[in-house]
Amino acid sequence: MVAKSLSPVTYLDDPTSLDERAVGGKAANVAQMHRAGMQVPAGFCVTVAAYKQFLGAADLAQIIRRELGIPCVNGVVDAIAVLKDGELVTVDGYLGIVFIGKPEFDRERTFGGRAARAADR
């Protein structure tokens, strides 16, 4: 069970700091060394929840995912208000773009995909 903390940080001597799911593996290991009496300066850990909140608020999650090659689209909060029921939508998770209707370009042809080359034969 993950210890729930309302604080965005937890100190190394707090039991929450040993929970890898709450503070991450590196911080939990440092807290464990601190508790074992090793010479670790007194400190605190930023919780996983606080880190995720920061990533979302700064739109860094989207940037990190794209750098890792993971498709991602953020910031489409108003999509429900803008889109009509049954409307065609094209989502490009690599560029982070949502098109209403069919896009004006063929992604396979534009980016030299295998399907485009096979269709040209």
C-alpha atoms as a PDB file:
ATOM      1  CA  MET A   1       0.000   0.000   0.000  1.00  0.00           C
ATOM      2  CA  VAL A   2       1.311   3.463  -0.935  1.00  0.00           C
ATOM      3  CA  ALA A   3       1.534   5.871   1.966  1.00  0.00           C
ATOM      4  CA  LYS A   4      -0.526   8.942   1.172  1.00  0.00           C
ATOM      5  CA  SER A   5       1.059  12.290   1.833  1.00  0.00           C
ATOM      6  CA  LEU A   6      -0.545  15.683   1.436  1.00  0.00           C
ATOM      7  CA  SER A   7       2.856  17.331   1.389  1.00  0.00           C
ATOM      8  CA  PRO A   8       4.833  17.595  -1.845  1.00  0.00           C
ATOM      9  CA  VAL A   9       7.941  16.588   0.105  1.00  0.00           C
ATOM     10  CA  THR A  10       8.778  14.003   2.737  1.00  0.00           C
ATOM     11  CA  TYR A  11      11.840  14.044   4.991  1.00  0.00           C
ATOM     12  CA  LEU A  12      14.332  11.175   5.003  1.00  0.00           C
ATOM     13  CA  ASP A  13      13.333  10.075   8.512  1.00  0.00           C
ATOM     14  CA  ASP A  14       9.612   9.989   7.592  1.00  0.00           C
ATOM     15  CA  PRO A  15       8.272   6.438   6.950  1.00  0.00           C
ATOM     16  CA  THR A  16       6.869   7.628   3.594  1.00  0.00           C
ATOM     17  CA  SER A  17      10.426   8.207   2.360  1.00  0.00           C
ATOM     18  CA  LEU A  18      11.012   4.418   2.352  1.00  0.00           C
ATOM     19  CA  ASP A  19       8.075   3.788   0.013  1.00  0.00           C
ATOM     20  CA  GLU A  20       9.546   3.536  -3.485  1.00  0.00           C
ATOM     21  CA  ARG A  21       6.137   4.125  -5.086  1.00  0.00           C
ATOM     22  CA  ALA A  22       5.717   7.384  -3.146  1.00  0.00           C
ATOM     23  CA  VAL A  23       9.190   8.901  -3.608  1.00  0.00           C
ATOM     24  CA  GLY A  24      10.922   6.891  -6.348  1.00  0.00           C
ATOM     25  CA  GLY A  25      13.664   4.296  -6.109  1.00  0.00           C
ATOM     26  CA  LYS A  26      16.675   6.578  -5.713  1.00  0.00           C
ATOM     27  CA  ALA A  27      15.096   8.639  -2.920  1.00  0.00           C
ATOM     28  CA  ALA A  28      13.891   5.497  -1.114  1.00  0.00           C
ATOM     29  CA  ASN A  29      17.427   4.065  -1.250  1.00  0.00           C
ATOM     30  CA  VAL A  30      18.917   7.289   0.149  1.00  0.00           C
ATOM     31  CA  ALA A  31      16.317   7.242   2.954  1.00  0.00           C
ATOM     32  CA  GLN A  32      17.200   3.611   3.698  1.00  0.00           C
ATOM     33  CA  MET A  33      20.920   4.502   3.922  1.00  0.00           C
ATOM     34  CA  HIS A  34      20.041   7.462   6.195  1.00  0.00           C
ATOM     35  CA  ARG A  35      18.064   5.146   8.496  1.00  0.00           C
ATOM     36  CA  ALA A  36      20.902   2.619   8.558  1.00  0.00           C
ATOM     37  CA  GLY A  37      23.176   5.295  10.045  1.00  0.00           C
ATOM     38  CA  MET A  38      25.270   5.912   6.935  1.00  0.00           C
ATOM     39  CA  GLN A  39      26.596   9.411   6.473  1.00  0.00           C
ATOM     40  CA  VAL A  40      23.807  10.912   4.417  1.00  0.00           C
ATOM     41  CA  PRO A  41      23.041  14.585   4.934  1.00  0.00           C
ATOM     42  CA  ALA A  42      19.639  15.277   6.438  1.00  0.00           C
ATOM     43  CA  GLY A  43      17.257  16.080   3.626  1.00  0.00           C
ATOM     44  CA  PHE A  44      13.936  15.539   1.969  1.00  0.00           C
ATOM     45  CA  CYS A  45      12.450  13.842  -1.087  1.00  0.00           C
ATOM     46  CA  VAL A  46      10.040  15.334  -3.575  1.00  0.00           C
ATOM     47  CA  THR A  47       7.100  12.926  -3.807  1.00  0.00           C
ATOM     48  CA  VAL A  48       6.200  11.203  -7.064  1.00  0.00           C
ATOM     49  CA  ALA A  49       2.780  12.897  -6.954  1.00  0.00           C
ATOM     50  CA  ALA A  50       4.360  16.357  -6.660  1.00  0.00           C
ATOM     51  CA  TYR A  51       6.809  15.586  -9.488  1.00  0.00           C
ATOM     52  CA  LYS A  52       3.982  14.403 -11.775  1.00  0.00           C
ATOM     53  CA  GLN A  53       1.952  17.498 -10.923  1.00  0.00           C
ATOM     54  CA  PHE A  54       4.933  19.684 -11.830  1.00  0.00           C
ATOM     55  CA  LEU A  55       5.462  17.844 -15.129  1.00  0.00           C
ATOM     56  CA  GLY A  56       1.808  18.332 -16.034  1.00  0.00           C
ATOM     57  CA  ALA A  57       1.703  22.002 -15.053  1.00  0.00           C
ATOM     58  CA  ALA A  58       4.837  22.779 -17.043  1.00  0.00           C
ATOM     59  CA  ASP A  59       3.854  20.560 -20.030  1.00  0.00           C
ATOM     60  CA  LEU A  60       7.173  18.783 -19.546  1.00  0.00           C
ATOM     61  CA  ALA A  61       5.570  15.341 -19.636  1.00  0.00           C
ATOM     62  CA  GLN A  62       4.697  15.881 -23.282  1.00  0.00           C
ATOM     63  CA  ILE A  63       8.227  17.039 -24.135  1.00  0.00           C
ATOM     64  CA  ILE A  64       9.831  14.106 -22.306  1.00  0.00           C
ATOM     65  CA  ARG A  65       7.530  11.564 -23.982  1.00  0.00           C
ATOM     66  CA  ARG A  66       8.327  12.940 -27.429  1.00  0.00           C
ATOM     67  CA  GLU A  67      12.074  12.874 -26.703  1.00  0.00           C
ATOM     68  CA  LEU A  68      11.663   9.200 -25.769  1.00  0.00           C
ATOM     69  CA  GLY A  69       9.699   8.555 -28.971  1.00  0.00           C
ATOM     70  CA  ILE A  70       6.388   7.951 -27.171  1.00  0.00           C
ATOM     71  CA  PRO A  71       3.381   9.482 -28.976  1.00  0.00           C
ATOM     72  CA  CYS A  72       1.582  12.047 -26.834  1.00  0.00           C
ATOM     73  CA  VAL A  73      -1.043  14.774 -27.152  1.00  0.00           C
ATOM     74  CA  ASN A  74      -1.747  17.183 -24.287  1.00  0.00           C
ATOM     75  CA  GLY A  75      -3.845  20.276 -23.808  1.00  0.00           C
ATOM     76  CA  VAL A  76      -7.032  19.146 -25.523  1.00  0.00           C
ATOM     77  CA  VAL A  77      -9.226  20.135 -22.601  1.00  0.00           C
ATOM     78  CA  ASP A  78     -11.764  21.942 -24.807  1.00  0.00           C
ATOM     79  CA  ALA A  79     -12.044  19.065 -27.293  1.00  0.00           C
ATOM     80  CA  ILE A  80     -15.455  17.978 -25.995  1.00  0.00           C
ATOM     81  CA  ALA A  81     -16.838  21.488 -26.471  1.00  0.00           C
ATOM     82  CA  VAL A  82     -15.342  21.907 -29.963  1.00  0.00           C
ATOM     83  CA  LEU A  83     -15.998  18.464 -31.465  1.00  0.00           C
ATOM     84  CA  LYS A  84     -19.401  17.292 -32.618  1.00  0.00           C
ATOM     85  CA  ASP A  85     -20.644  13.765 -31.994  1.00  0.00           C
ATOM     86  CA  GLY A  86     -19.431  11.422 -34.768  1.00  0.00           C
ATOM     87  CA  GLU A  87     -16.992  13.973 -36.227  1.00  0.00           C
ATOM     88  CA  LEU A  88     -13.829  12.581 -37.858  1.00  0.00           C
ATOM     89  CA  VAL A  89     -10.706  13.386 -35.859  1.00  0.00           C
ATOM     90  CA  THR A  90      -7.106  12.589 -36.715  1.00  0.00           C
ATOM     91  CA  VAL A  91      -4.607  12.494 -33.851  1.00  0.00           C
ATOM     92  CA  ASP A  92      -0.884  12.769 -34.549  1.00  0.00           C
ATOM     93  CA  GLY A  93       0.758  11.776 -31.295  1.00  0.00           C
ATOM     94  CA  TYR A  94       4.258  12.296 -32.675  1.00  0.00           C
ATOM     95  CA  LEU A  95       3.680  15.945 -33.553  1.00  0.00           C
ATOM     96  CA  GLY A  96       1.132  16.495 -30.759  1.00  0.00           C
ATOM     97  CA  ILE A  97      -1.530  17.747 -33.145  1.00  0.00           C
ATOM     98  CA  VAL A  98      -5.235  16.957 -33.373  1.00  0.00           C
ATOM     99  CA  PHE A  99      -6.893  17.581 -36.741  1.00  0.00           C
ATOM    100  CA  ILE A 100     -10.645  17.986 -37.050  1.00  0.00           C
ATOM    101  CA  GLY A 101     -11.527  16.000 -40.163  1.00  0.00           C
ATOM    102  CA  LYS A 102      -9.047  14.335 -42.475  1.00  0.00           C
ATOM    103  CA  PRO A 103      -5.610  16.008 -42.513  1.00  0.00           C
ATOM    104  CA  GLU A 104      -4.585  17.845 -45.662  1.00  0.00           C
ATOM    105  CA  PHE A 105      -1.568  15.603 -46.147  1.00  0.00           C
ATOM    106  CA  ASP A 106      -0.908  11.886 -46.336  1.00  0.00           C
ATOM    107  CA  ARG A 107       1.433  11.142 -43.435  1.00  0.00           C
ATOM    108  CA  GLU A 108       2.827   8.041 -45.110  1.00  0.00           C
ATOM    109  CA  ARG A 109       3.705   9.959 -48.284  1.00  0.00           C
ATOM    110  CA  THR A 110       4.936  13.028 -46.403  1.00  0.00           C
ATOM    111  CA  PHE A 111       7.265  11.085 -44.127  1.00  0.00           C
ATOM    112  CA  GLY A 112       8.294   8.401 -46.638  1.00  0.00           C
ATOM    113  CA  GLY A 113       6.477   5.491 -45.030  1.00  0.00           C
ATOM    114  CA  ARG A 114       6.617   1.940 -46.328  1.00  0.00           C
ATOM    115  CA  ALA A 115       2.905   1.994 -47.309  1.00  0.00           C
ATOM    116  CA  ALA A 116       3.456   4.947 -49.643  1.00  0.00           C
ATOM    117  CA  ARG A 117       6.309   3.211 -51.417  1.00  0.00           C
ATOM    118  CA  ALA A 118       4.301   0.028 -51.853  1.00  0.00           C
ATOM    119  CA  ALA A 119       1.328   1.979 -53.269  1.00  0.00           C
ATOM    120  CA  ASP A 120       3.556   3.684 -55.874  1.00  0.00           C
ATOM    121  CA  ARG A 121       4.596   0.374 -57.446  1.00  0.00           C
END
